[in-house]
Amino acid sequence: MSTYDLYTTPVARGTWDVPATGAARLSWEYDDGRQRLLDLYQRGKDKQWDAARRIDWDQPVAAENVTEAGDEFCPIYGSRQWDKLNQREREELGHHLSAWLFSQFLHGEQGALTVAARIIESVPDMDSKFYAATQAMDEARHVELFARFMREKIGLFYPVNPDLAKLLGDALGDARWDMPYLGMQVLIEGLALAAFGVHRDIAKNPLVKQLLAYVMQDEARHVAFGRLALRDYYAQLSPAELADREEFVVEGCHLMRNRFIAREVWERLGFDVAECVEFTEHSPTQQAFRQLLFTRIVPCVKDIGLWGQKVRQAYADLGVLDAAGSDLDALMRADEDIADRIEREHAAELAARKREVDAAIASGRAD
C-alpha cells in the first residue's frame, strides 16, 4: 500500500518543488578549519547508528495513545468538546492526534534532510561542509525511523502543516547561504528538539521513549552546529543585515508557535475549530507546553547575536522571553545522557528477559 493511501486528506502525488536560488560554493582550502566544528564533525562520525538495529521495533504501541500519557495531555482535555466525547471517540481523537504529531515530525525531518544537503552545497567553508554531511546521514535515518513508526505503529498520516511548509520554503528558497541554517538549525530543529523532549519525558511507552531519545541525541549536535557557524558569521554583519535576519526569526517563531495548534485534527474530526483553538490558547497545560517549545530556540537566538529590540519584544509577546536564561549546553548534555541511560536500561531489560527464558528452558529440560 502506498503512503498516499494512508493520508487523512488527499495529498497531491509527485514532489513539492521549492525553487533553488543562490550559488553552489566550492572551496580549495582543505586544511584550514575551526576546531570546534571539526570536533563536532568527529562526534557526528562517532555517533552514527542504525535505526533498524538500535531500536527494538517489536515493542507494542497503542495507536490511540502512542505515548501512553494521561488524558490531561490532550490539548482539549476539560473542554466542552472533550466532555461530550464517548470513550470510542476519545480513542479516535487520540489516534488522530498521534498521527498528526508524528506526521509533522516526519515531514520536518525530511525538510531537515533537504536543508542539510543545501548547506553542504552552499556553505563557503569546508569544516561546515564536513559536519553537514554527517547531519544529512542523521536526517536520513530520522526520516527512515519516523516513516517506519508511522506505517507500522500508527497507520495514518497527516499532510505537512502549512506553517511548517512556509518556513521550510522560506529557508530553502533564500539565496543567502546562512538562511537555511537559521531557518532549520535554529528555528525548526530547535522547536522540534523541545517538542521531542516534552513527549519523551511524558511517554510511558518504551518504544516511543527510546525513539525520541535517540533522535534527540543527534539533534543536540545539529543545533550546536548552527550556533557555532552562525555566531561567527553574524558577528561580522552590519546592523541592517542583522535586522533583516531578526525579522525572519520573528516571523518564523510565530509560524512555529502556530504549527502546534492541531487545527487539521479539529477540522478532520468535525469539531468546532474556533472553540478548540480558543480553548487551547488559554489551557494552562498548553500554555506550559508552548513555553517549553521555545526553551531551545530563545537562548540559541540570543547566543548567535540576533537579540535586537524587535526579537526581544516578540518573545515577550509570546510569553517566552524568560527562556533566554536557559542553559542550552546543559540541556544538550542532558539529552545525550538520557539517551545513553535509556539504551543501558533497555539492554539490561533484554538481558534479564534472556536469563528468564534460559532458566525456563533449563528447568524444562531438568523435568
Protein backbone atom coordinates (compact mmCIF):
# COMPACT_ATOMS: atom_id res chain seq x y z
CA MET A 1 0.00 0.00 0.00
CA SER A 2 1.26 3.47 -0.87
CA THR A 3 1.70 6.14 1.81
CA TYR A 4 -0.63 8.31 -0.24
CA ASP A 5 -3.45 5.88 0.61
CA LEU A 6 -2.93 6.48 4.35
CA TYR A 7 -3.31 10.27 4.42
CA THR A 8 -6.36 11.68 6.21
CA THR A 9 -6.90 14.15 3.37
CA PRO A 10 -5.72 13.71 -0.22
CA VAL A 11 -2.15 14.80 -0.93
CA ALA A 12 -1.02 15.66 -4.45
CA ARG A 13 1.19 12.91 -5.84
CA GLY A 14 4.63 13.85 -7.01
CA THR A 15 7.10 16.25 -5.43
CA TRP A 16 6.77 19.62 -3.73
CA ASP A 17 9.25 21.73 -5.68
CA VAL A 18 10.89 24.69 -3.93
CA PRO A 19 12.81 26.84 -6.46
CA ALA A 20 16.51 26.84 -5.57
CA THR A 21 18.44 30.09 -5.62
CA GLY A 22 21.98 31.02 -4.68
CA ALA A 23 25.39 29.66 -5.55
CA ALA A 24 26.89 26.23 -5.01
CA ARG A 25 30.17 27.09 -3.29
CA LEU A 26 33.35 25.03 -3.56
CA SER A 27 36.49 25.78 -1.59
CA TRP A 28 40.05 24.73 -2.47
CA GLU A 29 41.22 25.21 1.15
CA TYR A 30 41.31 21.76 2.75
CA ASP A 31 43.47 22.34 5.82
CA ASP A 32 42.06 25.43 7.47
CA GLY A 33 39.09 24.85 9.76
CA ARG A 34 37.54 25.80 13.08
CA GLN A 35 38.50 23.19 15.63
CA ARG A 36 35.11 23.38 17.36
CA LEU A 37 33.34 22.42 14.15
CA LEU A 38 35.88 19.73 13.33
CA ASP A 39 35.37 18.28 16.83
CA LEU A 40 31.62 18.29 16.22
CA TYR A 41 32.23 16.56 12.89
CA GLN A 42 34.21 13.85 14.67
CA ARG A 43 31.39 13.37 17.16
CA GLY A 44 28.96 13.15 14.28
CA LYS A 45 31.01 10.33 12.76
CA ASP A 46 31.41 8.54 16.07
CA LYS A 47 27.71 8.71 16.92
CA GLN A 48 26.25 7.16 13.77
CA TRP A 49 23.75 4.36 14.48
CA ASP A 50 21.37 2.01 12.69
CA ALA A 51 17.66 2.66 13.28
CA ALA A 52 16.81 -0.90 12.24
CA ARG A 53 19.04 -2.35 14.97
CA ARG A 54 19.30 0.13 17.83
CA ILE A 55 15.53 0.45 18.26
CA ASP A 56 13.52 -2.53 19.47
CA TRP A 57 10.72 -2.45 16.91
CA ASP A 58 8.95 -5.47 18.41
CA GLN A 59 7.71 -3.42 21.35
CA PRO A 60 3.92 -2.83 21.11
CA VAL A 61 2.34 0.61 20.64
CA ALA A 62 -1.34 1.51 21.02
CA ALA A 63 -2.24 3.74 18.05
CA GLU A 64 -4.91 5.60 20.06
CA ASN A 65 -2.32 6.73 22.63
CA VAL A 66 1.20 6.10 21.41
CA THR A 67 2.91 7.78 24.37
CA GLU A 68 0.58 6.12 26.94
CA ALA A 69 0.36 9.51 28.68
CA GLY A 70 -2.74 10.53 30.66
CA ASP A 71 -5.83 12.21 29.20
CA GLU A 72 -4.73 15.53 30.70
CA PHE A 73 -2.10 15.85 27.97
CA CYS A 74 -4.76 16.00 25.25
CA PRO A 75 -4.87 19.63 24.02
CA ILE A 76 -8.65 19.93 24.56
CA TYR A 77 -8.86 17.91 27.79
CA GLY A 78 -11.50 19.50 30.05
CA SER A 79 -13.21 21.42 27.25
CA ARG A 80 -16.88 21.20 26.27
CA GLN A 81 -15.84 19.30 23.15
CA TRP A 82 -13.87 16.77 25.21
CA ASP A 83 -16.63 16.24 27.76
CA LYS A 84 -19.19 15.26 25.14
CA LEU A 85 -16.99 12.57 23.56
CA ASN A 86 -17.57 8.93 24.45
CA GLN A 87 -14.66 6.52 25.01
CA ARG A 88 -14.54 5.33 21.40
CA GLU A 89 -14.50 8.93 20.13
CA ARG A 90 -11.73 9.84 22.57
CA GLU A 91 -9.68 6.93 21.29
CA GLU A 92 -10.27 8.09 17.72
CA LEU A 93 -9.15 11.58 18.71
CA GLY A 94 -6.02 10.12 20.32
CA HIS A 95 -5.24 8.18 17.14
CA HIS A 96 -5.57 11.31 15.00
CA LEU A 97 -3.54 13.48 17.37
CA SER A 98 -0.75 10.88 17.36
CA ALA A 99 -0.89 10.64 13.56
CA TRP A 100 -0.84 14.42 13.21
CA LEU A 101 2.03 14.95 15.67
CA PHE A 102 4.32 12.25 14.32
CA SER A 103 3.47 13.18 10.72
CA GLN A 104 4.83 16.67 11.42
CA PHE A 105 7.93 15.16 13.00
CA LEU A 106 8.38 13.05 9.86
CA HIS A 107 7.83 15.93 7.41
CA GLY A 108 10.13 18.17 9.43
CA GLU A 109 12.89 15.57 9.29
CA GLN A 110 12.58 15.33 5.51
CA GLY A 111 12.87 19.12 5.43
CA ALA A 112 15.98 18.88 7.61
CA LEU A 113 17.46 16.28 5.27
CA THR A 114 16.94 18.59 2.30
CA VAL A 115 18.31 21.62 4.16
CA ALA A 116 21.41 19.66 5.22
CA ALA A 117 22.06 18.91 1.56
CA ARG A 118 21.57 22.60 0.72
CA ILE A 119 24.05 23.58 3.44
CA ILE A 120 26.67 21.20 2.04
CA GLU A 121 26.19 22.82 -1.34
CA SER A 122 26.07 26.48 -0.36
CA VAL A 123 28.20 26.99 2.75
CA PRO A 124 31.61 28.51 1.88
CA ASP A 125 33.85 26.71 4.41
CA MET A 126 35.00 23.10 4.38
CA ASP A 127 34.57 22.42 8.10
CA SER A 128 30.85 23.21 7.82
CA LYS A 129 30.54 21.01 4.73
CA PHE A 130 32.13 18.14 6.67
CA TYR A 131 29.72 18.39 9.59
CA ALA A 132 26.65 18.97 7.39
CA ALA A 133 27.49 15.71 5.62
CA THR A 134 27.12 13.81 8.91
CA GLN A 135 23.89 15.65 9.59
CA ALA A 136 22.49 14.60 6.20
CA MET A 137 23.05 10.98 7.25
CA ASP A 138 21.41 11.64 10.62
CA GLU A 139 18.36 13.18 8.96
CA ALA A 140 18.03 10.30 6.51
CA ARG A 141 17.98 7.94 9.48
CA HIS A 142 15.31 10.06 11.21
CA VAL A 143 13.11 10.03 8.10
CA GLU A 144 13.57 6.26 7.91
CA LEU A 145 12.60 5.61 11.52
CA PHE A 146 9.66 8.06 11.71
CA ALA A 147 8.28 6.70 8.42
CA ARG A 148 8.54 3.15 9.77
CA PHE A 149 6.93 4.16 13.07
CA MET A 150 4.07 5.89 11.26
CA ARG A 151 3.49 2.97 8.92
CA GLU A 152 3.81 0.10 11.40
CA LYS A 153 2.51 1.61 14.64
CA ILE A 154 0.04 4.35 13.70
CA GLY A 155 -1.13 3.54 10.16
CA LEU A 156 -2.39 7.05 9.43
CA PHE A 157 -0.69 10.14 8.00
CA TYR A 158 -1.45 13.87 8.00
CA PRO A 159 -0.19 16.29 5.33
CA VAL A 160 2.57 18.74 6.20
CA ASN A 161 1.34 21.60 8.38
CA PRO A 162 1.05 24.85 6.32
CA ASP A 163 3.10 26.87 8.83
CA LEU A 164 5.92 24.32 8.79
CA ALA A 165 5.78 24.21 4.99
CA LYS A 166 6.03 28.00 4.73
CA LEU A 167 9.10 28.19 6.96
CA LEU A 168 10.73 25.31 5.07
CA GLY A 169 10.02 27.04 1.77
CA ASP A 170 11.38 30.36 3.02
CA ALA A 171 14.58 28.76 4.35
CA LEU A 172 15.21 26.67 1.24
CA GLY A 173 14.32 29.40 -1.24
CA ASP A 174 16.61 32.12 0.13
CA ALA A 175 19.79 32.76 -1.86
CA ARG A 176 21.87 33.68 1.22
CA TRP A 177 23.82 30.68 2.50
CA ASP A 178 23.09 31.35 6.18
CA MET A 179 19.30 31.36 5.88
CA PRO A 180 18.83 27.57 5.66
CA TYR A 181 20.99 27.41 8.80
CA LEU A 182 18.82 29.96 10.57
CA GLY A 183 15.50 28.52 9.46
CA MET A 184 16.34 24.87 10.06
CA GLN A 185 19.17 24.57 12.59
CA VAL A 186 17.86 27.26 14.93
CA LEU A 187 14.09 27.52 14.45
CA ILE A 188 12.75 24.22 13.09
CA GLU A 189 15.33 21.94 14.74
CA GLY A 190 15.24 23.94 17.97
CA LEU A 191 11.47 23.67 18.23
CA ALA A 192 11.49 20.01 17.22
CA LEU A 193 14.13 19.26 19.84
CA ALA A 194 11.97 20.82 22.56
CA ALA A 195 8.83 19.02 21.31
CA PHE A 196 10.69 15.71 21.22
CA GLY A 197 11.84 16.37 24.77
CA VAL A 198 8.35 17.08 26.10
CA HIS A 199 6.95 13.89 24.57
CA ARG A 200 9.99 11.84 25.56
CA ASP A 201 9.53 12.90 29.17
CA ILE A 202 5.77 12.24 29.36
CA ALA A 203 5.91 8.99 27.37
CA LYS A 204 5.41 5.74 29.22
CA ASN A 205 5.64 3.60 26.11
CA PRO A 206 9.21 2.20 25.91
CA LEU A 207 9.46 2.27 22.11
CA VAL A 208 8.33 5.90 21.83
CA LYS A 209 10.66 6.99 24.64
CA GLN A 210 13.53 5.12 23.00
CA LEU A 211 12.88 6.52 19.53
CA LEU A 212 12.60 10.15 20.66
CA ALA A 213 15.62 9.97 22.97
CA TYR A 214 17.87 8.60 20.23
CA VAL A 215 16.73 11.21 17.71
CA MET A 216 17.32 13.96 20.28
CA GLN A 217 20.88 12.74 20.77
CA ASP A 218 21.51 13.61 17.12
CA GLU A 219 19.51 16.83 17.13
CA ALA A 220 21.52 18.25 20.02
CA ARG A 221 24.59 18.17 17.76
CA HIS A 222 22.67 19.78 14.91
CA VAL A 223 21.62 22.78 16.97
CA ALA A 224 25.19 23.12 18.27
CA PHE A 225 26.36 23.17 14.63
CA GLY A 226 24.03 26.04 13.78
CA ARG A 227 25.13 28.01 16.85
CA LEU A 228 28.83 27.67 16.08
CA ALA A 229 28.56 28.56 12.41
CA LEU A 230 26.10 31.45 12.72
CA ARG A 231 27.66 33.05 15.82
CA ASP A 232 30.91 33.57 13.93
CA TYR A 233 29.22 34.85 10.78
CA TYR A 234 26.69 37.19 12.41
CA ALA A 235 29.45 38.91 14.39
CA GLN A 236 30.61 40.32 11.02
CA LEU A 237 27.25 41.60 9.71
CA SER A 238 26.02 45.19 9.60
CA PRO A 239 23.07 46.37 11.73
CA ALA A 240 20.84 46.38 8.64
CA GLU A 241 21.80 42.80 7.76
CA LEU A 242 21.16 41.66 11.33
CA ALA A 243 17.80 43.45 11.37
CA ASP A 244 16.75 41.56 8.25
CA ARG A 245 17.56 38.23 9.88
CA GLU A 246 15.82 39.24 13.08
CA GLU A 247 12.67 39.90 11.04
CA PHE A 248 12.97 36.35 9.68
CA VAL A 249 13.32 34.99 13.23
CA VAL A 250 10.22 36.84 14.46
CA GLU A 251 8.06 35.60 11.59
CA GLY A 252 9.49 32.09 11.92
CA CYS A 253 8.76 31.89 15.64
CA HIS A 254 5.13 32.84 15.09
CA LEU A 255 4.87 30.19 12.39
CA MET A 256 6.41 27.60 14.74
CA ARG A 257 4.03 28.54 17.52
CA ASN A 258 1.04 28.12 15.19
CA ARG A 259 2.43 24.80 13.96
CA PHE A 260 1.28 23.07 17.17
CA ILE A 261 -2.34 24.28 17.25
CA ALA A 262 -3.51 20.99 15.62
CA ARG A 263 -6.15 22.78 13.57
CA GLU A 264 -6.04 20.00 10.96
CA VAL A 265 -7.23 17.44 13.53
CA TRP A 266 -10.16 19.52 14.70
CA GLU A 267 -11.19 20.07 11.08
CA ARG A 268 -10.78 16.39 10.14
CA LEU A 269 -12.93 15.17 13.05
CA GLY A 270 -15.66 17.77 12.51
CA PHE A 271 -15.09 19.60 15.81
CA ASP A 272 -15.80 23.30 16.36
CA VAL A 273 -12.38 24.52 15.23
CA ALA A 274 -12.66 28.02 16.68
CA GLU A 275 -13.75 26.64 20.03
CA CYS A 276 -10.90 24.10 20.15
CA VAL A 277 -8.29 26.70 19.20
CA GLU A 278 -9.66 29.16 21.75
CA PHE A 279 -9.59 26.52 24.49
CA THR A 280 -6.01 25.51 23.77
CA GLU A 281 -4.94 29.16 23.75
CA HIS A 282 -5.97 29.51 27.40
CA SER A 283 -5.37 25.98 28.69
CA PRO A 284 -2.67 26.09 31.41
CA THR A 285 -1.27 22.77 30.18
CA GLN A 286 -0.99 24.03 26.61
CA GLN A 287 0.47 27.36 27.70
CA ALA A 288 3.16 25.48 29.62
CA PHE A 289 3.76 23.28 26.57
CA ARG A 290 4.26 26.31 24.33
CA GLN A 291 6.72 27.84 26.76
CA LEU A 292 8.71 24.61 26.81
CA LEU A 293 8.77 24.60 22.99
CA PHE A 294 10.90 27.75 22.99
CA THR A 295 13.43 26.68 25.63
CA ARG A 296 15.86 25.64 22.88
CA ILE A 297 15.17 28.46 20.40
CA VAL A 298 15.31 31.61 22.55
CA PRO A 299 18.76 31.07 24.15
CA CYS A 300 20.16 29.99 20.77
CA VAL A 301 18.86 33.13 19.02
CA LYS A 302 20.39 35.24 21.77
CA ASP A 303 23.69 33.34 21.58
CA ILE A 304 24.15 33.84 17.84
CA GLY A 305 23.65 37.60 18.18
CA LEU A 306 20.10 38.18 16.90
CA TRP A 307 18.92 39.91 20.06
CA GLY A 308 17.56 43.28 18.94
CA GLN A 309 14.53 45.02 20.40
CA LYS A 310 12.14 43.52 17.85
CA VAL A 311 13.17 39.95 18.71
CA ARG A 312 13.00 40.59 22.46
CA GLN A 313 9.56 42.17 22.12
CA ALA A 314 8.30 39.26 20.03
CA TYR A 315 9.44 36.79 22.68
CA ALA A 316 7.87 38.93 25.40
CA ASP A 317 4.57 38.92 23.46
CA LEU A 318 4.79 35.13 23.14
CA GLY A 319 5.46 34.85 26.87
CA VAL A 320 8.80 33.08 26.38
CA LEU A 321 11.38 35.81 27.00
CA ASP A 322 12.48 34.20 30.28
CA ALA A 323 13.71 31.20 28.26
CA ALA A 324 16.70 33.35 27.25
CA GLY A 325 18.28 32.40 30.56
CA SER A 326 18.15 28.66 29.83
CA ASP A 327 21.47 26.84 29.89
CA LEU A 328 21.44 25.41 26.39
CA ASP A 329 24.66 23.47 26.83
CA ALA A 330 23.31 21.77 29.95
CA LEU A 331 20.09 20.85 28.14
CA MET A 332 22.08 19.32 25.28
CA ARG A 333 24.29 17.32 27.63
CA ALA A 334 21.19 16.05 29.41
CA ASP A 335 19.71 14.92 26.06
CA GLU A 336 22.80 12.83 25.35
CA ASP A 337 22.88 11.41 28.88
CA ILE A 338 19.18 10.44 28.81
CA ALA A 339 19.61 8.61 25.50
CA ASP A 340 22.58 6.67 26.88
CA ARG A 341 20.67 5.82 30.08
CA ILE A 342 17.62 4.59 28.15
CA GLU A 343 19.87 2.42 26.00
CA ARG A 344 21.56 0.90 29.06
CA GLU A 345 18.22 0.25 30.77
CA HIS A 346 16.79 -1.39 27.68
CA ALA A 347 19.88 -3.58 27.29
CA ALA A 348 19.54 -4.62 30.95
CA GLU A 349 15.86 -5.50 30.41
CA LEU A 350 16.71 -7.61 27.38
CA ALA A 351 19.47 -9.39 29.31
CA ALA A 352 17.11 -10.09 32.22
CA ARG A 353 14.47 -11.40 29.83
CA LYS A 354 17.02 -13.68 28.21
CA ARG A 355 18.08 -15.04 31.60
CA GLU A 356 14.44 -15.80 32.42
CA VAL A 357 13.95 -17.63 29.14
CA ASP A 358 17.19 -19.55 29.56
CA ALA A 359 16.21 -20.52 33.13
CA ALA A 360 12.78 -21.70 31.97
CA ILE A 361 14.34 -23.79 29.20
CA ALA A 362 16.84 -25.30 31.63
CA SER A 363 14.07 -26.08 34.10
CA GLY A 364 12.03 -27.78 31.42
CA ARG A 365 14.95 -29.95 30.43
CA ALA A 366 15.55 -30.92 34.06
CA ASP A 367 11.95 -32.04 34.38
